[in-house]
Amino acid sequence: MILRGIRIFSDEYNPNEKLEEVFHIQAESMCSMFSSFVYEKKIRTSVTVINIECRSTNALERTIEIDGFLDVCVHYDVKNFAKFSEQQKKEIQLEIIMLGLKKACEHLSLEYAPFEEIQKQIISLDYNHCFIWKKPKFSPNRKRKVFVKVDWGVYKIDLMLVIEERNGTILLQRAVPINHPGTMGLDILGELKWLDNDTVELKHRYIKSEVYTFTL
């Protein structure tokens, strides 16, 4: 198997929290960023996903491996997590991932060094998870291209649709509305296509009524 994903959770539950305030929702960006670098390394092991659960007590459950998933526990009390700045939260999330991976490496007999390389990579990017969704699509006459830039932070995701000439001249930049928090917000990125040489359409993956049209 190829290791594909790293996820972090918490044993704390606060029914008064908004969805975008939930610990694991705020951690989705860092986990996605780390996972993308992990997959590039094509690390072969017995699991595809490592789940890291933060426990508020020192009583940690044993590491469990089942059906391609590895569950590990680390000691971190999330009660005070909300008081930190966005940058501090990113730093803490990365530290938690590294703590969990140290235990995972011991269980799976993996080298820890490749994960340390990823840690340095993320720090060098100042913890910012920015990327272009899929590949740019060219207009029917091949003179223009469209793509979506993603800037995924702790609290929100910013999507920017960009239409350029082939030489890089920007013709249009528009924010794409996001109606859901966390990873669910990215579901708006379902299908991007040209309707003609001046108009593009962006469709939600699941909600058929959620369609946006952008015209030059």
C-alpha atoms as a PDB file:
ATOM      1  CA  MET A   1       0.000   0.000   0.000  1.00  0.00           C
ATOM      2  CA  ILE A   2       0.967   3.644  -0.498  1.00  0.00           C
ATOM      3  CA  LEU A   3       0.481   5.975   2.463  1.00  0.00           C
ATOM      4  CA  ARG A   4      -1.969   8.623   1.293  1.00  0.00           C
ATOM      5  CA  GLY A   5      -3.333  10.555   4.239  1.00  0.00           C
ATOM      6  CA  ILE A   6      -2.690  11.955   7.706  1.00  0.00           C
ATOM      7  CA  ARG A   7      -5.637  13.128   9.824  1.00  0.00           C
ATOM      8  CA  ILE A   8      -5.910  14.550  13.331  1.00  0.00           C
ATOM      9  CA  PHE A   9      -8.885  14.488  15.695  1.00  0.00           C
ATOM     10  CA  SER A  10      -9.727  15.214  19.325  1.00  0.00           C
ATOM     11  CA  ASP A  11     -11.611  13.385  22.064  1.00  0.00           C
ATOM     12  CA  GLU A  12     -13.149  16.704  23.161  1.00  0.00           C
ATOM     13  CA  TYR A  13     -16.681  17.612  22.059  1.00  0.00           C
ATOM     14  CA  ASN A  14     -18.332  20.991  22.537  1.00  0.00           C
ATOM     15  CA  PRO A  15     -21.962  21.106  21.333  1.00  0.00           C
ATOM     16  CA  ASN A  16     -21.881  24.921  21.384  1.00  0.00           C
ATOM     17  CA  GLU A  17     -19.093  25.186  18.823  1.00  0.00           C
ATOM     18  CA  LYS A  18     -19.868  26.234  15.278  1.00  0.00           C
ATOM     19  CA  LEU A  19     -18.728  23.720  12.681  1.00  0.00           C
ATOM     20  CA  GLU A  20     -15.874  25.966  11.530  1.00  0.00           C
ATOM     21  CA  GLU A  21     -14.632  26.163  15.150  1.00  0.00           C
ATOM     22  CA  VAL A  22     -14.343  22.388  15.607  1.00  0.00           C
ATOM     23  CA  PHE A  23     -10.752  21.244  16.159  1.00  0.00           C
ATOM     24  CA  HIS A  24     -10.544  18.654  13.383  1.00  0.00           C
ATOM     25  CA  ILE A  25     -12.288  20.961  10.888  1.00  0.00           C
ATOM     26  CA  GLN A  26      -9.667  23.646  11.555  1.00  0.00           C
ATOM     27  CA  ALA A  27      -6.953  21.004  11.119  1.00  0.00           C
ATOM     28  CA  GLU A  28      -8.161  19.858   7.687  1.00  0.00           C
ATOM     29  CA  SER A  29      -5.968  22.316   5.791  1.00  0.00           C
ATOM     30  CA  MET A  30      -2.752  21.272   7.537  1.00  0.00           C
ATOM     31  CA  CYS A  31      -3.637  17.586   7.165  1.00  0.00           C
ATOM     32  CA  SER A  32      -4.390  18.065   3.471  1.00  0.00           C
ATOM     33  CA  MET A  33      -1.119  19.915   2.926  1.00  0.00           C
ATOM     34  CA  PHE A  34       0.938  17.323   4.797  1.00  0.00           C
ATOM     35  CA  SER A  35      -0.859  14.458   3.041  1.00  0.00           C
ATOM     36  CA  SER A  36      -0.142  15.906  -0.406  1.00  0.00           C
ATOM     37  CA  PHE A  37       3.599  15.875   0.339  1.00  0.00           C
ATOM     38  CA  VAL A  38       3.363  12.391   1.871  1.00  0.00           C
ATOM     39  CA  TYR A  39       1.750  10.995  -1.272  1.00  0.00           C
ATOM     40  CA  GLU A  40       4.496  12.499  -3.452  1.00  0.00           C
ATOM     41  CA  LYS A  41       7.046  10.423  -1.536  1.00  0.00           C
ATOM     42  CA  LYS A  42       5.205   7.159  -2.347  1.00  0.00           C
ATOM     43  CA  ILE A  43       5.875   5.650   1.086  1.00  0.00           C
ATOM     44  CA  ARG A  44       5.056   1.938   1.031  1.00  0.00           C
ATOM     45  CA  THR A  45       3.587   0.467   4.205  1.00  0.00           C
ATOM     46  CA  SER A  46       0.663  -1.617   5.474  1.00  0.00           C
ATOM     47  CA  VAL A  47      -1.780   1.323   5.814  1.00  0.00           C
ATOM     48  CA  THR A  48      -3.085   4.110   3.596  1.00  0.00           C
ATOM     49  CA  VAL A  49      -4.251   6.505   6.333  1.00  0.00           C
ATOM     50  CA  ILE A  50      -2.863   7.432   9.744  1.00  0.00           C
ATOM     51  CA  ASN A  51      -5.399   8.868  12.201  1.00  0.00           C
ATOM     52  CA  ILE A  52      -3.923  10.853  15.091  1.00  0.00           C
ATOM     53  CA  GLU A  53      -6.251  11.420  18.041  1.00  0.00           C
ATOM     54  CA  CYS A  54      -5.481  14.088  20.636  1.00  0.00           C
ATOM     55  CA  ARG A  55      -6.281  12.977  24.177  1.00  0.00           C
ATOM     56  CA  SER A  56      -6.649  15.432  27.044  1.00  0.00           C
ATOM     57  CA  THR A  57      -5.377  12.887  29.578  1.00  0.00           C
ATOM     58  CA  ASN A  58      -2.205  10.849  29.808  1.00  0.00           C
ATOM     59  CA  ALA A  59      -4.287   7.674  29.560  1.00  0.00           C
ATOM     60  CA  LEU A  60      -3.649   6.937  25.896  1.00  0.00           C
ATOM     61  CA  GLU A  61      -5.162   3.971  24.121  1.00  0.00           C
ATOM     62  CA  ARG A  62      -2.894   1.549  22.333  1.00  0.00           C
ATOM     63  CA  THR A  63      -2.088   1.949  18.663  1.00  0.00           C
ATOM     64  CA  ILE A  64      -4.535   0.030  16.480  1.00  0.00           C
ATOM     65  CA  GLU A  65      -4.089  -1.069  12.862  1.00  0.00           C
ATOM     66  CA  ILE A  66      -7.119  -2.336  10.964  1.00  0.00           C
ATOM     67  CA  ASP A  67      -8.262  -2.429   7.321  1.00  0.00           C
ATOM     68  CA  GLY A  68      -5.560  -0.096   6.031  1.00  0.00           C
ATOM     69  CA  PHE A  69      -5.974   2.475   8.814  1.00  0.00           C
ATOM     70  CA  LEU A  70      -3.653   3.135  11.743  1.00  0.00           C
ATOM     71  CA  ASP A  71      -5.047   4.893  14.829  1.00  0.00           C
ATOM     72  CA  VAL A  72      -2.554   6.455  17.235  1.00  0.00           C
ATOM     73  CA  CYS A  73      -3.126   8.622  20.310  1.00  0.00           C
ATOM     74  CA  VAL A  74      -1.063  11.586  21.478  1.00  0.00           C
ATOM     75  CA  HIS A  75      -1.379  13.750  24.553  1.00  0.00           C
ATOM     76  CA  TYR A  76      -2.675  17.231  23.721  1.00  0.00           C
ATOM     77  CA  ASP A  77      -5.473  19.087  25.522  1.00  0.00           C
ATOM     78  CA  VAL A  78      -7.426  21.071  22.924  1.00  0.00           C
ATOM     79  CA  LYS A  79      -9.354  23.138  25.497  1.00  0.00           C
ATOM     80  CA  ASN A  80      -7.004  26.106  25.086  1.00  0.00           C
ATOM     81  CA  PHE A  81      -6.574  25.733  21.328  1.00  0.00           C
ATOM     82  CA  ALA A  82      -9.148  28.428  20.507  1.00  0.00           C
ATOM     83  CA  LYS A  83      -7.120  31.203  22.158  1.00  0.00           C
ATOM     84  CA  PHE A  84      -4.199  30.900  19.744  1.00  0.00           C
ATOM     85  CA  SER A  85      -3.718  32.932  16.568  1.00  0.00           C
ATOM     86  CA  GLU A  86      -4.176  31.306  13.169  1.00  0.00           C
ATOM     87  CA  GLN A  87      -0.419  31.063  12.667  1.00  0.00           C
ATOM     88  CA  GLN A  88       0.076  29.507  16.108  1.00  0.00           C
ATOM     89  CA  LYS A  89      -2.683  26.990  15.390  1.00  0.00           C
ATOM     90  CA  LYS A  90      -0.916  25.892  12.207  1.00  0.00           C
ATOM     91  CA  GLU A  91       2.315  25.413  14.133  1.00  0.00           C
ATOM     92  CA  ILE A  92       0.555  23.367  16.828  1.00  0.00           C
ATOM     93  CA  GLN A  93      -1.221  21.228  14.226  1.00  0.00           C
ATOM     94  CA  LEU A  94       2.082  20.395  12.568  1.00  0.00           C
ATOM     95  CA  GLU A  95       3.633  19.523  15.935  1.00  0.00           C
ATOM     96  CA  ILE A  96       0.714  17.182  16.691  1.00  0.00           C
ATOM     97  CA  ILE A  97       1.136  15.474  13.318  1.00  0.00           C
ATOM     98  CA  MET A  98       4.830  14.928  13.990  1.00  0.00           C
ATOM     99  CA  LEU A  99       4.119  13.506  17.468  1.00  0.00           C
ATOM    100  CA  GLY A 100       1.627  11.061  16.002  1.00  0.00           C
ATOM    101  CA  LEU A 101       3.936  10.084  13.164  1.00  0.00           C
ATOM    102  CA  LYS A 102       6.738   9.282  15.574  1.00  0.00           C
ATOM    103  CA  LYS A 103       4.481   6.675  17.194  1.00  0.00           C
ATOM    104  CA  ALA A 104       3.227   5.493  13.805  1.00  0.00           C
ATOM    105  CA  CYS A 105       6.782   5.015  12.530  1.00  0.00           C
ATOM    106  CA  GLU A 106       7.616   2.849  15.529  1.00  0.00           C
ATOM    107  CA  HIS A 107       4.560   0.671  14.926  1.00  0.00           C
ATOM    108  CA  LEU A 108       5.017   0.416  11.148  1.00  0.00           C
ATOM    109  CA  SER A 109       8.834   0.228  11.214  1.00  0.00           C
ATOM    110  CA  LEU A 110       9.070   3.288   8.974  1.00  0.00           C
ATOM    111  CA  GLU A 111      11.856   5.839   8.755  1.00  0.00           C
ATOM    112  CA  TYR A 112      10.957   9.140  10.430  1.00  0.00           C
ATOM    113  CA  ALA A 113      13.309  11.236   8.270  1.00  0.00           C
ATOM    114  CA  PRO A 114      10.967  11.587   5.233  1.00  0.00           C
ATOM    115  CA  PHE A 115       8.306  13.091   7.480  1.00  0.00           C
ATOM    116  CA  GLU A 116      10.839  15.504   8.962  1.00  0.00           C
ATOM    117  CA  GLU A 117      11.629  16.604   5.403  1.00  0.00           C
ATOM    118  CA  ILE A 118       7.941  17.367   4.873  1.00  0.00           C
ATOM    119  CA  GLN A 119       7.854  19.281   8.150  1.00  0.00           C
ATOM    120  CA  LYS A 120      10.730  21.479   6.931  1.00  0.00           C
ATOM    121  CA  GLN A 121       8.975  21.940   3.595  1.00  0.00           C
ATOM    122  CA  ILE A 122       5.807  23.209   5.270  1.00  0.00           C
ATOM    123  CA  ILE A 123       7.750  25.530   7.565  1.00  0.00           C
ATOM    124  CA  SER A 124       9.608  26.934   4.535  1.00  0.00           C
ATOM    125  CA  LEU A 125       6.198  27.755   3.013  1.00  0.00           C
ATOM    126  CA  ASP A 126       5.267  29.561   6.251  1.00  0.00           C
ATOM    127  CA  TYR A 127       2.544  26.926   6.800  1.00  0.00           C
ATOM    128  CA  ASN A 128       0.481  28.335   3.907  1.00  0.00           C
ATOM    129  CA  HIS A 129      -1.579  25.819   1.947  1.00  0.00           C
ATOM    130  CA  CYS A 130      -1.976  27.441  -1.485  1.00  0.00           C
ATOM    131  CA  PHE A 131      -2.317  25.563  -4.755  1.00  0.00           C
ATOM    132  CA  ILE A 132      -4.011  25.467  -8.153  1.00  0.00           C
ATOM    133  CA  TRP A 133      -6.912  23.041  -8.403  1.00  0.00           C
ATOM    134  CA  LYS A 134      -6.227  20.457 -11.102  1.00  0.00           C
ATOM    135  CA  LYS A 135      -4.758  21.618 -14.439  1.00  0.00           C
ATOM    136  CA  PRO A 136      -5.740  24.821 -16.292  1.00  0.00           C
ATOM    137  CA  LYS A 137      -8.335  24.274 -19.034  1.00  0.00           C
ATOM    138  CA  PHE A 138      -7.963  25.901 -22.430  1.00  0.00           C
ATOM    139  CA  SER A 139     -10.801  27.611 -24.291  1.00  0.00           C
ATOM    140  CA  PRO A 140     -12.162  25.993 -27.478  1.00  0.00           C
ATOM    141  CA  ASN A 141      -9.971  28.294 -29.622  1.00  0.00           C
ATOM    142  CA  ARG A 142      -6.958  27.495 -27.369  1.00  0.00           C
ATOM    143  CA  LYS A 143      -6.238  31.222 -26.841  1.00  0.00           C
ATOM    144  CA  ARG A 144      -7.217  31.391 -23.162  1.00  0.00           C
ATOM    145  CA  LYS A 145      -7.001  29.239 -20.080  1.00  0.00           C
ATOM    146  CA  VAL A 146      -8.978  29.080 -16.853  1.00  0.00           C
ATOM    147  CA  PHE A 147      -7.986  27.745 -13.452  1.00  0.00           C
ATOM    148  CA  VAL A 148      -8.928  28.051  -9.779  1.00  0.00           C
ATOM    149  CA  LYS A 149      -6.449  29.192  -7.114  1.00  0.00           C
ATOM    150  CA  VAL A 150      -7.011  27.780  -3.626  1.00  0.00           C
ATOM    151  CA  ASP A 151      -5.862  29.470  -0.409  1.00  0.00           C
ATOM    152  CA  TRP A 152      -6.879  27.157   2.448  1.00  0.00           C
ATOM    153  CA  GLY A 153      -6.468  28.497   5.967  1.00  0.00           C
ATOM    154  CA  VAL A 154      -7.544  27.416   9.437  1.00  0.00           C
ATOM    155  CA  TYR A 155     -10.861  29.275   9.385  1.00  0.00           C
ATOM    156  CA  LYS A 156     -11.802  29.544   5.740  1.00  0.00           C
ATOM    157  CA  ILE A 157     -10.987  28.678   2.159  1.00  0.00           C
ATOM    158  CA  ASP A 158     -10.576  31.370  -0.493  1.00  0.00           C
ATOM    159  CA  LEU A 159     -11.150  30.311  -4.095  1.00  0.00           C
ATOM    160  CA  MET A 160     -10.239  32.581  -6.987  1.00  0.00           C
ATOM    161  CA  LEU A 161     -11.220  31.772 -10.569  1.00  0.00           C
ATOM    162  CA  VAL A 162      -8.701  33.190 -13.047  1.00  0.00           C
ATOM    163  CA  ILE A 163      -8.901  33.492 -16.832  1.00  0.00           C
ATOM    164  CA  GLU A 164      -5.649  34.295 -18.633  1.00  0.00           C
ATOM    165  CA  GLU A 165      -4.331  34.713 -22.139  1.00  0.00           C
ATOM    166  CA  ARG A 166      -1.758  32.100 -23.135  1.00  0.00           C
ATOM    167  CA  ASN A 167       0.991  34.659 -22.443  1.00  0.00           C
ATOM    168  CA  GLY A 168      -0.155  35.053 -18.832  1.00  0.00           C
ATOM    169  CA  THR A 169      -2.118  38.304 -19.179  1.00  0.00           C
ATOM    170  CA  ILE A 170      -4.968  38.156 -16.672  1.00  0.00           C
ATOM    171  CA  LEU A 171      -8.373  38.826 -18.219  1.00  0.00           C
ATOM    172  CA  LEU A 172     -10.580  38.038 -15.233  1.00  0.00           C
ATOM    173  CA  GLN A 173     -10.257  37.246 -11.526  1.00  0.00           C
ATOM    174  CA  ARG A 174     -13.363  36.444  -9.502  1.00  0.00           C
ATOM    175  CA  ALA A 175     -13.910  34.997  -6.040  1.00  0.00           C
ATOM    176  CA  VAL A 176     -15.862  31.739  -6.019  1.00  0.00           C
ATOM    177  CA  PRO A 177     -18.594  31.633  -3.338  1.00  0.00           C
ATOM    178  CA  ILE A 178     -18.178  28.946  -0.670  1.00  0.00           C
ATOM    179  CA  ASN A 179     -21.262  27.937   1.300  1.00  0.00           C
ATOM    180  CA  HIS A 180     -19.814  25.224   3.545  1.00  0.00           C
ATOM    181  CA  PRO A 181     -16.897  25.080   6.023  1.00  0.00           C
ATOM    182  CA  GLY A 182     -13.770  22.940   5.785  1.00  0.00           C
ATOM    183  CA  THR A 183     -13.312  20.244   3.174  1.00  0.00           C
ATOM    184  CA  MET A 184     -17.012  20.413   2.302  1.00  0.00           C
ATOM    185  CA  GLY A 185     -16.382  23.884   0.888  1.00  0.00           C
ATOM    186  CA  LEU A 186     -14.121  22.387  -1.762  1.00  0.00           C
ATOM    187  CA  ASP A 187     -17.031  20.372  -3.136  1.00  0.00           C
ATOM    188  CA  ILE A 188     -17.915  23.413  -5.230  1.00  0.00           C
ATOM    189  CA  LEU A 189     -14.944  22.331  -7.342  1.00  0.00           C
ATOM    190  CA  GLY A 190     -16.851  19.663  -9.210  1.00  0.00           C
ATOM    191  CA  GLU A 191     -16.580  20.448 -12.914  1.00  0.00           C
ATOM    192  CA  LEU A 192     -14.986  23.433 -14.638  1.00  0.00           C
ATOM    193  CA  LYS A 193     -15.645  23.852 -18.342  1.00  0.00           C
ATOM    194  CA  TRP A 194     -15.786  26.416 -21.129  1.00  0.00           C
ATOM    195  CA  LEU A 195     -19.241  27.118 -22.582  1.00  0.00           C
ATOM    196  CA  ASP A 196     -17.678  29.182 -25.375  1.00  0.00           C
ATOM    197  CA  ASN A 197     -14.507  31.246 -25.838  1.00  0.00           C
ATOM    198  CA  ASP A 198     -15.700  33.910 -23.375  1.00  0.00           C
ATOM    199  CA  THR A 199     -17.664  32.003 -20.729  1.00  0.00           C
ATOM    200  CA  VAL A 200     -16.786  29.314 -18.199  1.00  0.00           C
ATOM    201  CA  GLU A 201     -19.010  27.321 -15.876  1.00  0.00           C
ATOM    202  CA  LEU A 202     -18.202  25.850 -12.461  1.00  0.00           C
ATOM    203  CA  LYS A 203     -20.466  23.137 -11.039  1.00  0.00           C
ATOM    204  CA  HIS A 204     -20.712  21.714  -7.515  1.00  0.00           C
ATOM    205  CA  ARG A 205     -19.761  18.040  -7.199  1.00  0.00           C
ATOM    206  CA  TYR A 206     -23.060  17.027  -5.604  1.00  0.00           C
ATOM    207  CA  ILE A 207     -25.521  19.956  -5.530  1.00  0.00           C
ATOM    208  CA  LYS A 208     -26.868  20.297  -9.064  1.00  0.00           C
ATOM    209  CA  SER A 209     -28.412  23.701  -8.387  1.00  0.00           C
ATOM    210  CA  GLU A 210     -25.078  25.191  -7.317  1.00  0.00           C
ATOM    211  CA  VAL A 211     -23.645  26.405 -10.618  1.00  0.00           C
ATOM    212  CA  TYR A 212     -21.620  29.563 -11.270  1.00  0.00           C
ATOM    213  CA  THR A 213     -20.975  31.209 -14.623  1.00  0.00           C
ATOM    214  CA  PHE A 214     -18.134  33.639 -15.331  1.00  0.00           C
ATOM    215  CA  THR A 215     -18.080  35.741 -18.508  1.00  0.00           C
ATOM    216  CA  LEU A 216     -15.420  38.076 -19.876  1.00  0.00           C
END
